[in-house]
Amino acid sequence: MALDSGKVRDFVQRTWDESVVPALTEYIRIPAKSPMFDADWRAHGHLDSAVALLEGWAKTRAIEGLRVEVVRLEGRTPLLLMEAPGAGGDTVLLYGHCDKQPEMVGWAEGSGPWTPVRRGDKLYGRGVGDDGYAAFAALTAIQALEEQRARHSRCVVLIEACEESGSFDLPAYVDALAGRLGTPSLVVCLDSGCGNYEQLWGTTSLRGVVGGVLSVEVLTEGVHSGAASGIVPSSVRILRQLLARLEDANTGQIIPRDFHVEIPPGRLAEAREVAKVLGEEVFDRFPFVPGMRPVSTDPLELILNNTWRPALAVIGAAGLPLPADGGNVLRPRTSLKLSLRLPPTCDAGRAVRRLKEILESDPPYGARVTLETYGEGGSGWEAPPTSPRLLESITRASATYFGRPAVFHGTGGSIPFMSMLGARFPTAQFLITGAMGPGSNAHGPNEFLHLPTGVKVTACVAQVLADQCASST
């Protein structure tokens, strides 16, 4: 039967208003920080509380044959697995996560990471868009089809609790649940972003990431700076020298070619199209201080910088006292937490080894230099070519529920699960999308979910699920 888009739109809107938004509001209150940011997550129980909230909500859905289960492997974060039998032997895997980034400072007055605040179309709170809404959107899309007795393929919804820590628990679960996951022909991931709130955005590539804590030790204890300066090099100056091996301080370009790749012509063409669609929105969406400007005003160059070129960020520091506490002392040690974003097709394992070699070899003045890395890092991902049928489905869904054509783009973030899935299911098609658009500030203060976009993305997923079942029968 043909899908009635008006009924889908009405059902999804009603479900979000009456059920999804209240549940998301309660989800925000749970400080379910990812294990990297909460070493005592087992004792605190917040990840379990988040999973329990999603589990309880899922069990109230009127989806025929829905099976909801919390899977627990020894010593690992919990995983929520939901199966809707559907029709036929085809399987669609829908993915999201429920763990969160830490608090971060700078939240607006009256709000905070664990304090849900609704302002117009925006719901503020940590994890609401990254990626707490995913489980609700996935099941609502499935239920929207069942309300019309529309056919859909077997759907498996997988919600992990370790994504913000690099998904280090997920491979074990994928192995343990291989028989139940099957071989999906389509993977729908709701953990990506959108360039604007006016159309559906499909992600075609994700950057990888490697990083660690770079430490420089010059003394066994702090000494008076008047006595030692000019004799003992400061740890900060040595850090500057080391970082200069990696990054051009004037341009931000990563110097070693080991971390660069050739940009595929098709992705370059996509970037040009995105530049046309967004124009100056590529940089206008960021909260620059007055007088500040981006590294370029060419939207295409900025898009390529953000999606297919490596970039370095210092995301933490240790050994530095607060200004009020800083005496005239040459400190013995300084540490910086580094995050190096990699192009989608750059091998993360090789990049980690090369990064250690560059930063640790031949230390200036014989200082003690160490780079403590986080495993082998996370490789990026490039989507396989989208089939004509899926492309037509995504295009129709965007036109139906957004009123504008879909846009395909690379994103600067990472979703470790995609690289793993791409390797395990090489014949699968992918729809990687999301509702985190301009200003939504995932990982930062004042994170929000634009609710109308969440509704429209949910409806688009329902359309794609219906089309997928029709094309597989």
Protein backbone atom coordinates (compact mmCIF):
# COMPACT_ATOMS: atom_id res chain seq x y z
CA MET A 1 0.00 0.00 0.00
CA ALA A 2 1.11 3.58 -0.64
CA LEU A 3 2.30 5.45 2.42
CA ASP A 4 0.08 8.38 3.41
CA SER A 5 2.63 11.10 4.18
CA GLY A 6 0.03 13.26 5.90
CA LYS A 7 -0.78 10.50 8.37
CA VAL A 8 2.92 9.86 8.95
CA ARG A 9 3.51 13.54 9.64
CA ASP A 10 0.56 13.77 12.04
CA PHE A 11 1.44 10.59 13.92
CA VAL A 12 5.10 11.52 14.31
CA GLN A 13 4.27 15.06 15.45
CA ARG A 14 1.71 13.81 17.97
CA THR A 15 4.09 11.18 19.33
CA TRP A 16 6.90 13.68 19.76
CA ASP A 17 4.61 16.18 21.49
CA GLU A 18 2.93 13.70 23.81
CA SER A 19 5.63 11.15 24.48
CA VAL A 20 9.09 11.79 23.04
CA VAL A 21 9.67 15.30 24.38
CA PRO A 22 8.59 14.39 27.96
CA ALA A 23 10.87 11.34 27.87
CA LEU A 24 13.78 13.35 26.49
CA THR A 25 13.22 15.90 29.25
CA GLU A 26 13.72 13.17 31.86
CA TYR A 27 16.70 11.78 29.94
CA ILE A 28 18.48 15.14 30.13
CA ARG A 29 18.31 15.01 33.93
CA ILE A 30 20.47 11.85 34.01
CA PRO A 31 24.24 12.61 34.16
CA ALA A 32 25.01 9.55 32.05
CA LYS A 33 28.58 10.48 31.26
CA SER A 34 30.54 8.14 29.03
CA PRO A 35 33.08 5.88 30.80
CA MET A 36 36.03 8.04 29.68
CA PHE A 37 34.56 10.88 31.75
CA ASP A 38 33.18 8.83 34.65
CA ALA A 39 35.57 6.08 35.74
CA ASP A 40 33.09 5.01 38.44
CA TRP A 41 30.13 4.71 36.08
CA ARG A 42 29.20 1.29 37.47
CA ALA A 43 28.89 2.58 41.03
CA HIS A 44 27.14 5.78 40.01
CA GLY A 45 24.57 3.90 37.92
CA HIS A 46 23.74 6.78 35.58
CA LEU A 47 24.36 4.86 32.35
CA ASP A 48 22.09 2.11 33.67
CA SER A 49 19.45 4.72 34.48
CA ALA A 50 19.57 6.13 30.96
CA VAL A 51 19.27 2.67 29.45
CA ALA A 52 16.39 1.85 31.80
CA LEU A 53 14.52 5.01 30.76
CA LEU A 54 14.83 4.10 27.08
CA GLU A 55 13.91 0.49 27.78
CA GLY A 56 10.78 1.49 29.70
CA TRP A 57 9.65 3.87 26.98
CA ALA A 58 10.30 1.34 24.23
CA LYS A 59 8.15 -1.27 25.93
CA THR A 60 5.13 1.03 25.69
CA ARG A 61 5.32 1.22 21.87
CA ALA A 62 2.54 -0.46 19.90
CA ILE A 63 4.87 -2.28 17.50
CA GLU A 64 3.89 -5.83 16.63
CA GLY A 65 6.31 -8.41 18.02
CA LEU A 66 8.70 -5.80 19.39
CA ARG A 67 11.39 -7.37 21.52
CA VAL A 68 13.27 -5.08 23.92
CA GLU A 69 16.32 -6.35 25.78
CA VAL A 70 19.20 -4.88 27.76
CA VAL A 71 22.30 -6.91 26.97
CA ARG A 72 25.18 -6.93 29.44
CA LEU A 73 28.60 -8.40 28.81
CA GLU A 74 30.88 -8.80 31.80
CA GLY A 75 32.81 -5.63 32.58
CA ARG A 76 31.25 -3.61 29.75
CA THR A 77 28.74 -0.81 29.46
CA PRO A 78 25.15 -1.98 28.84
CA LEU A 79 23.59 -2.12 25.39
CA LEU A 80 19.91 -1.80 24.46
CA LEU A 81 18.79 -4.09 21.64
CA MET A 82 15.32 -3.85 20.12
CA GLU A 83 13.90 -5.98 17.31
CA ALA A 84 10.75 -5.36 15.26
CA PRO A 85 10.12 -8.47 13.10
CA GLY A 86 8.55 -6.71 10.12
CA ALA A 87 8.16 -8.53 6.82
CA GLY A 88 10.52 -10.56 4.70
CA GLY A 89 14.09 -11.63 5.31
CA ASP A 90 15.72 -8.22 4.84
CA THR A 91 17.24 -6.46 7.88
CA VAL A 92 17.68 -2.76 8.60
CA LEU A 93 19.98 -1.76 11.46
CA LEU A 94 19.22 1.55 13.21
CA TYR A 95 21.89 2.95 15.50
CA GLY A 96 22.23 5.50 18.28
CA HIS A 97 23.81 5.95 21.71
CA CYS A 98 22.73 7.14 25.15
CA ASP A 99 26.03 8.05 26.84
CA LYS A 100 26.97 11.71 27.13
CA GLN A 101 29.88 14.11 27.07
CA PRO A 102 30.84 15.82 30.37
CA GLU A 103 29.29 19.00 31.70
CA MET A 104 31.47 21.77 30.18
CA VAL A 105 31.27 25.34 31.53
CA GLY A 106 29.45 28.30 29.99
CA TRP A 107 25.78 27.28 30.17
CA ALA A 108 23.30 30.14 30.02
CA GLU A 109 21.72 31.40 33.21
CA GLY A 110 18.91 29.15 34.37
CA SER A 111 20.13 26.16 32.37
CA GLY A 112 22.79 23.51 32.76
CA PRO A 113 23.84 20.14 31.38
CA TRP A 114 21.38 18.17 33.53
CA THR A 115 18.66 20.84 33.63
CA PRO A 116 16.19 20.50 30.76
CA VAL A 117 14.98 23.85 29.43
CA ARG A 118 12.49 24.37 26.60
CA ARG A 119 12.80 27.65 24.70
CA GLY A 120 10.46 27.74 21.72
CA ASP A 121 11.42 24.99 19.30
CA LYS A 122 14.63 24.14 21.16
CA LEU A 123 15.10 21.68 24.01
CA TYR A 124 18.36 22.33 25.89
CA GLY A 125 20.41 19.81 27.84
CA ARG A 126 23.38 17.50 27.56
CA GLY A 127 22.94 14.57 25.22
CA VAL A 128 19.50 15.50 23.92
CA GLY A 129 20.65 15.78 20.31
CA ASP A 130 23.88 13.80 20.65
CA ASP A 131 22.31 11.32 20.64
CA GLY A 132 19.51 10.79 23.13
CA TYR A 133 16.70 11.31 20.63
CA ALA A 134 17.85 8.44 18.37
CA ALA A 135 16.06 5.57 20.10
CA PHE A 136 12.81 7.55 20.26
CA ALA A 137 13.04 8.58 16.60
CA ALA A 138 13.83 5.06 15.40
CA LEU A 139 10.91 3.41 17.18
CA THR A 140 8.50 6.23 16.31
CA ALA A 141 9.39 5.84 12.63
CA ILE A 142 8.68 2.11 12.80
CA GLN A 143 5.43 2.66 14.69
CA ALA A 144 4.31 5.29 12.16
CA LEU A 145 4.41 2.58 9.49
CA GLU A 146 2.57 0.03 11.61
CA GLU A 147 -0.17 2.56 12.32
CA GLN A 148 -0.93 2.46 8.57
CA ARG A 149 -0.27 -1.28 8.29
CA ALA A 150 2.54 -0.39 5.92
CA ARG A 151 5.19 -3.05 5.43
CA HIS A 152 8.70 -2.62 6.73
CA SER A 153 11.74 -4.86 6.82
CA ARG A 154 12.94 -6.50 10.01
CA CYS A 155 14.38 -3.63 12.06
CA VAL A 156 17.07 -3.97 14.69
CA VAL A 157 17.63 -0.89 16.85
CA LEU A 158 20.97 -0.85 18.65
CA ILE A 159 21.67 1.79 21.32
CA GLU A 160 25.12 1.69 22.92
CA ALA A 161 26.44 3.43 26.04
CA CYS A 162 30.09 3.94 25.08
CA GLU A 163 30.15 6.02 21.89
CA GLU A 164 31.57 9.18 23.42
CA SER A 165 34.51 7.09 24.65
CA GLY A 166 35.25 5.70 21.20
CA SER A 167 32.80 2.75 21.26
CA PHE A 168 35.46 0.49 22.75
CA ASP A 169 32.81 -1.91 24.10
CA LEU A 170 30.80 -2.13 20.89
CA PRO A 171 32.90 -4.63 18.87
CA ALA A 172 32.46 -7.21 21.62
CA TYR A 173 28.68 -6.76 21.48
CA VAL A 174 28.59 -6.95 17.68
CA ASP A 175 30.52 -10.21 17.89
CA ALA A 176 28.32 -11.62 20.65
CA LEU A 177 25.10 -10.63 18.86
CA ALA A 178 26.20 -11.47 15.31
CA GLY A 179 23.45 -14.05 14.85
CA ARG A 180 20.72 -11.64 15.93
CA LEU A 181 22.05 -8.65 14.00
CA GLY A 182 22.19 -10.66 10.79
CA THR A 183 23.51 -9.01 7.66
CA PRO A 184 21.77 -5.66 7.29
CA SER A 185 21.19 -4.35 3.80
CA LEU A 186 20.68 -0.83 5.18
CA VAL A 187 22.18 0.95 8.17
CA VAL A 188 20.44 4.07 9.50
CA CYS A 189 22.53 6.12 11.92
CA LEU A 190 20.91 9.06 13.72
CA ASP A 191 24.10 10.40 15.31
CA SER A 192 25.19 12.88 12.67
CA GLY A 193 24.45 16.53 11.97
CA CYS A 194 22.77 18.82 9.48
CA GLY A 195 24.05 21.93 7.75
CA ASN A 196 20.74 23.74 8.24
CA TYR A 197 17.26 22.99 9.52
CA GLU A 198 15.55 23.33 6.13
CA GLN A 199 16.31 19.96 4.50
CA LEU A 200 17.44 16.42 5.13
CA TRP A 201 21.21 15.97 5.31
CA GLY A 202 22.97 12.71 4.53
CA THR A 203 26.52 12.18 5.76
CA THR A 204 28.87 10.56 3.24
CA SER A 205 32.11 10.72 5.22
CA LEU A 206 33.35 11.10 8.77
CA ARG A 207 36.78 12.06 9.97
CA GLY A 208 38.83 9.81 12.20
CA VAL A 209 40.50 10.94 15.37
CA VAL A 210 43.66 10.12 17.31
CA GLY A 211 44.93 11.81 20.38
CA GLY A 212 46.51 11.55 23.77
CA VAL A 213 48.20 13.47 26.55
CA LEU A 214 51.49 15.08 25.60
CA SER A 215 53.64 15.74 28.68
CA VAL A 216 56.93 17.59 29.03
CA GLU A 217 59.00 17.32 32.23
CA VAL A 218 62.00 19.57 32.80
CA LEU A 219 62.58 19.49 36.59
CA THR A 220 61.90 17.22 39.53
CA GLU A 221 60.33 20.13 41.41
CA GLY A 222 59.38 23.73 40.78
CA VAL A 223 62.02 26.41 41.28
CA HIS A 224 62.04 30.20 41.51
CA SER A 225 61.72 31.59 38.00
CA GLY A 226 64.13 34.42 38.74
CA ALA A 227 66.82 31.89 39.56
CA ALA A 228 66.12 29.42 36.75
CA SER A 229 64.75 31.37 33.77
CA GLY A 230 67.28 31.68 30.97
CA ILE A 231 69.03 28.57 32.28
CA VAL A 232 66.23 25.99 32.43
CA PRO A 233 63.94 25.99 29.36
CA SER A 234 60.27 26.17 30.30
CA SER A 235 58.07 23.17 29.67
CA VAL A 236 55.60 25.38 27.76
CA ARG A 237 58.29 26.54 25.33
CA ILE A 238 59.28 22.94 24.67
CA LEU A 239 55.65 22.07 24.07
CA ARG A 240 55.45 24.90 21.55
CA GLN A 241 58.49 23.47 19.77
CA LEU A 242 56.95 20.01 19.67
CA LEU A 243 53.60 21.23 18.39
CA ALA A 244 55.42 23.18 15.68
CA ARG A 245 56.60 19.84 14.30
CA LEU A 246 52.97 18.95 13.78
CA GLU A 247 51.10 22.19 13.04
CA ASP A 248 51.91 25.46 11.28
CA ALA A 249 51.02 27.99 13.97
CA ASN A 250 50.25 30.69 11.39
CA THR A 251 47.82 28.69 9.23
CA GLY A 252 46.75 25.72 11.33
CA GLN A 253 47.78 23.34 8.56
CA ILE A 254 49.12 19.96 9.63
CA ILE A 255 52.69 19.72 8.34
CA PRO A 256 53.54 15.98 8.03
CA ARG A 257 52.02 14.51 4.88
CA ASP A 258 51.43 11.23 6.78
CA PHE A 259 48.12 12.65 8.01
CA HIS A 260 46.82 13.85 4.62
CA VAL A 261 44.96 11.99 1.84
CA GLU A 262 43.88 12.73 -1.70
CA ILE A 263 40.33 14.10 -1.72
CA PRO A 264 38.13 11.94 -4.02
CA PRO A 265 36.64 13.92 -6.93
CA GLY A 266 33.09 12.93 -5.97
CA ARG A 267 33.51 14.26 -2.44
CA LEU A 268 35.00 17.46 -3.81
CA ALA A 269 31.91 17.89 -5.98
CA GLU A 270 29.68 17.32 -2.92
CA ALA A 271 31.61 19.96 -0.99
CA ARG A 272 31.10 22.46 -3.81
CA GLU A 273 27.36 21.84 -3.70
CA VAL A 274 27.27 22.27 0.08
CA ALA A 275 29.20 25.53 -0.27
CA LYS A 276 26.52 26.76 -2.68
CA VAL A 277 23.71 25.77 -0.33
CA LEU A 278 25.20 27.22 2.85
CA GLY A 279 27.46 30.05 1.69
CA GLU A 280 28.55 32.14 4.67
CA GLU A 281 26.45 29.98 7.01
CA VAL A 282 29.46 27.65 7.00
CA PHE A 283 31.16 30.04 9.44
CA ASP A 284 28.36 32.39 10.57
CA ARG A 285 26.88 29.63 12.75
CA PHE A 286 29.75 29.79 15.25
CA PRO A 287 29.71 32.15 18.27
CA PHE A 288 32.82 34.17 17.41
CA VAL A 289 33.79 36.93 19.82
CA PRO A 290 33.46 40.45 18.33
CA GLY A 291 36.17 41.11 15.76
CA MET A 292 37.12 37.44 15.38
CA ARG A 293 37.07 35.87 11.90
CA PRO A 294 37.37 32.32 10.53
CA VAL A 295 40.60 30.98 9.02
CA SER A 296 39.15 31.74 5.57
CA THR A 297 36.03 33.31 4.10
CA ASP A 298 35.91 30.79 1.24
CA PRO A 299 33.11 28.34 2.18
CA LEU A 300 34.56 25.56 0.01
CA GLU A 301 37.98 25.76 1.66
CA LEU A 302 36.39 25.76 5.11
CA ILE A 303 34.27 22.72 4.26
CA LEU A 304 37.29 20.80 3.00
CA ASN A 305 39.31 21.85 6.06
CA ASN A 306 36.54 20.48 8.25
CA THR A 307 35.87 17.22 6.41
CA TRP A 308 38.86 15.99 4.38
CA ARG A 309 41.89 17.62 5.98
CA PRO A 310 43.59 16.92 9.32
CA ALA A 311 43.29 19.45 12.13
CA LEU A 312 44.71 19.72 15.64
CA ALA A 313 42.97 20.92 18.79
CA VAL A 314 44.24 21.20 22.37
CA ILE A 315 41.28 20.10 24.47
CA GLY A 316 42.76 19.96 27.97
CA ALA A 317 45.77 20.90 30.07
CA ALA A 318 47.40 19.96 33.37
CA GLY A 319 50.24 21.38 35.42
CA LEU A 320 49.06 24.97 34.98
CA PRO A 321 47.79 26.71 38.13
CA LEU A 322 44.94 29.18 37.94
CA PRO A 323 46.15 32.74 37.31
CA ALA A 324 45.36 33.72 40.89
CA ASP A 325 47.52 30.84 42.16
CA GLY A 326 50.45 31.25 39.78
CA GLY A 327 53.59 32.32 41.63
CA ASN A 328 56.94 33.18 40.04
CA VAL A 329 57.85 29.51 39.73
CA LEU A 330 59.29 27.62 36.80
CA ARG A 331 57.00 24.62 36.86
CA PRO A 332 58.40 21.10 36.51
CA ARG A 333 55.82 19.68 34.13
CA THR A 334 53.07 20.66 31.67
CA SER A 335 50.63 18.33 29.91
CA LEU A 336 48.31 18.99 26.99
CA LYS A 337 45.47 16.78 25.82
CA LEU A 338 45.57 16.64 22.03
CA SER A 339 42.89 15.74 19.51
CA LEU A 340 44.04 15.25 15.93
CA ARG A 341 41.21 14.87 13.45
CA LEU A 342 42.10 12.69 10.47
CA PRO A 343 40.73 12.57 6.91
CA PRO A 344 38.15 9.79 6.41
CA THR A 345 40.49 7.38 4.63
CA CYS A 346 43.60 7.94 6.78
CA ASP A 347 44.50 4.84 8.82
CA ALA A 348 44.24 5.71 12.51
CA GLY A 349 46.58 2.98 13.76
CA ARG A 350 49.39 4.14 11.51
CA ALA A 351 48.63 7.76 12.41
CA VAL A 352 48.97 7.03 16.14
CA ARG A 353 52.36 5.44 15.69
CA ARG A 354 53.58 8.29 13.50
CA LEU A 355 52.26 10.89 15.95
CA LYS A 356 54.23 9.33 18.82
CA GLU A 357 57.35 9.20 16.69
CA ILE A 358 57.07 12.86 15.67
CA LEU A 359 56.45 14.19 19.17
CA GLU A 360 58.65 11.90 21.27
CA SER A 361 61.80 11.62 19.15
CA ASP A 362 64.83 13.83 19.78
CA PRO A 363 63.23 15.89 22.59
CA PRO A 364 64.49 19.48 22.86
CA TYR A 365 67.20 19.88 25.52
CA GLY A 366 66.78 16.21 26.45
CA ALA A 367 63.51 16.92 28.27
CA ARG A 368 61.33 13.98 29.26
CA VAL A 369 58.61 13.89 26.61
CA THR A 370 55.80 11.33 26.53
CA LEU A 371 52.64 10.98 24.48
CA GLU A 372 50.15 8.74 26.23
CA THR A 373 47.70 7.75 23.49
CA TYR A 374 44.24 6.22 23.69
CA GLY A 375 44.75 2.87 21.99
CA GLU A 376 44.88 2.86 18.22
CA GLY A 377 42.53 5.80 17.78
CA GLY A 378 39.48 5.74 15.56
CA SER A 379 39.62 5.56 11.80
CA GLY A 380 37.27 7.67 9.74
CA TRP A 381 34.74 6.40 7.24
CA GLU A 382 33.68 6.99 3.68
CA ALA A 383 30.29 5.74 2.54
CA PRO A 384 30.01 3.35 -0.37
CA PRO A 385 28.20 4.71 -3.44
CA THR A 386 24.51 5.21 -2.69
CA SER A 387 22.25 3.00 -4.77
CA PRO A 388 19.84 4.78 -7.13
CA ARG A 389 16.85 3.40 -5.21
CA LEU A 390 18.07 4.65 -1.85
CA LEU A 391 19.05 7.99 -3.34
CA GLU A 392 15.56 8.35 -4.83
CA SER A 393 14.01 7.42 -1.47
CA ILE A 394 16.06 9.95 0.50
CA THR A 395 15.36 12.65 -2.07
CA ARG A 396 11.62 11.98 -1.96
CA ALA A 397 11.58 11.92 1.84
CA SER A 398 13.32 15.29 2.10
CA ALA A 399 10.98 16.85 -0.47
CA THR A 400 7.91 15.42 1.28
CA TYR A 401 8.70 16.36 4.88
CA PHE A 402 11.07 19.31 4.53
CA GLY A 403 9.86 20.72 1.22
CA ARG A 404 13.42 20.97 -0.08
CA PRO A 405 15.90 18.53 -1.68
CA ALA A 406 18.29 16.45 0.39
CA VAL A 407 21.95 17.46 0.66
CA PHE A 408 24.89 15.09 1.03
CA HIS A 409 28.04 16.13 2.83
CA GLY A 410 31.05 15.06 4.83
CA THR A 411 31.23 15.97 8.50
CA GLY A 412 34.17 16.84 10.69
CA GLY A 413 33.22 14.57 13.59
CA SER A 414 33.67 10.87 14.18
CA ILE A 415 31.30 7.94 14.69
CA PRO A 416 33.58 4.95 15.39
CA PHE A 417 30.74 2.49 14.82
CA MET A 418 30.48 3.44 11.15
CA SER A 419 34.03 2.43 10.32
CA MET A 420 33.54 -0.90 12.06
CA LEU A 421 30.20 -1.54 10.38
CA GLY A 422 31.54 -0.59 6.98
CA ALA A 423 34.24 -3.23 7.36
CA ARG A 424 31.90 -5.92 8.67
CA PHE A 425 29.04 -5.31 6.23
CA PRO A 426 30.69 -4.22 2.99
CA THR A 427 27.52 -4.66 0.92
CA ALA A 428 25.29 -2.54 3.19
CA GLN A 429 23.86 0.81 2.20
CA PHE A 430 23.96 3.71 4.65
CA LEU A 431 21.77 6.62 5.66
CA ILE A 432 23.74 8.65 8.20
CA THR A 433 21.74 11.67 9.29
CA GLY A 434 20.74 13.70 12.31
CA ALA A 435 19.12 16.80 13.77
CA MET A 436 22.16 18.58 15.22
CA GLY A 437 22.44 21.73 13.14
CA PRO A 438 23.73 25.30 13.48
CA GLY A 439 24.14 26.42 17.07
CA SER A 440 23.17 23.07 18.58
CA ASN A 441 26.65 22.79 20.11
CA ALA A 442 27.12 19.08 20.75
CA HIS A 443 29.76 18.48 23.44
CA GLY A 444 29.74 22.18 24.39
CA PRO A 445 27.59 24.39 26.63
CA ASN A 446 23.96 25.10 25.70
CA GLU A 447 23.54 21.95 23.63
CA PHE A 448 20.05 21.77 22.17
CA LEU A 449 17.84 19.72 19.90
CA HIS A 450 15.78 21.58 17.30
CA LEU A 451 12.51 19.75 17.84
CA PRO A 452 10.85 20.40 14.44
CA THR A 453 13.91 18.94 12.74
CA GLY A 454 13.79 15.91 15.01
CA VAL A 455 10.17 15.37 13.95
CA LYS A 456 10.95 15.74 10.24
CA VAL A 457 14.00 13.46 10.41
CA THR A 458 11.82 10.83 12.10
CA ALA A 459 9.24 11.06 9.33
CA CYS A 460 11.96 10.81 6.68
CA VAL A 461 13.30 7.64 8.31
CA ALA A 462 9.79 6.16 8.20
CA GLN A 463 9.61 6.88 4.46
CA VAL A 464 13.02 5.32 3.82
CA LEU A 465 12.08 2.21 5.82
CA ALA A 466 8.89 1.80 3.79
CA ASP A 467 10.78 2.23 0.51
CA GLN A 468 13.49 -0.18 1.62
CA CYS A 469 10.96 -2.92 2.25
CA ALA A 470 9.29 -2.28 -1.11
CA SER A 471 12.59 -2.51 -2.96
CA SER A 472 13.65 -5.73 -1.23
CA THR A 473 10.49 -7.71 -2.05
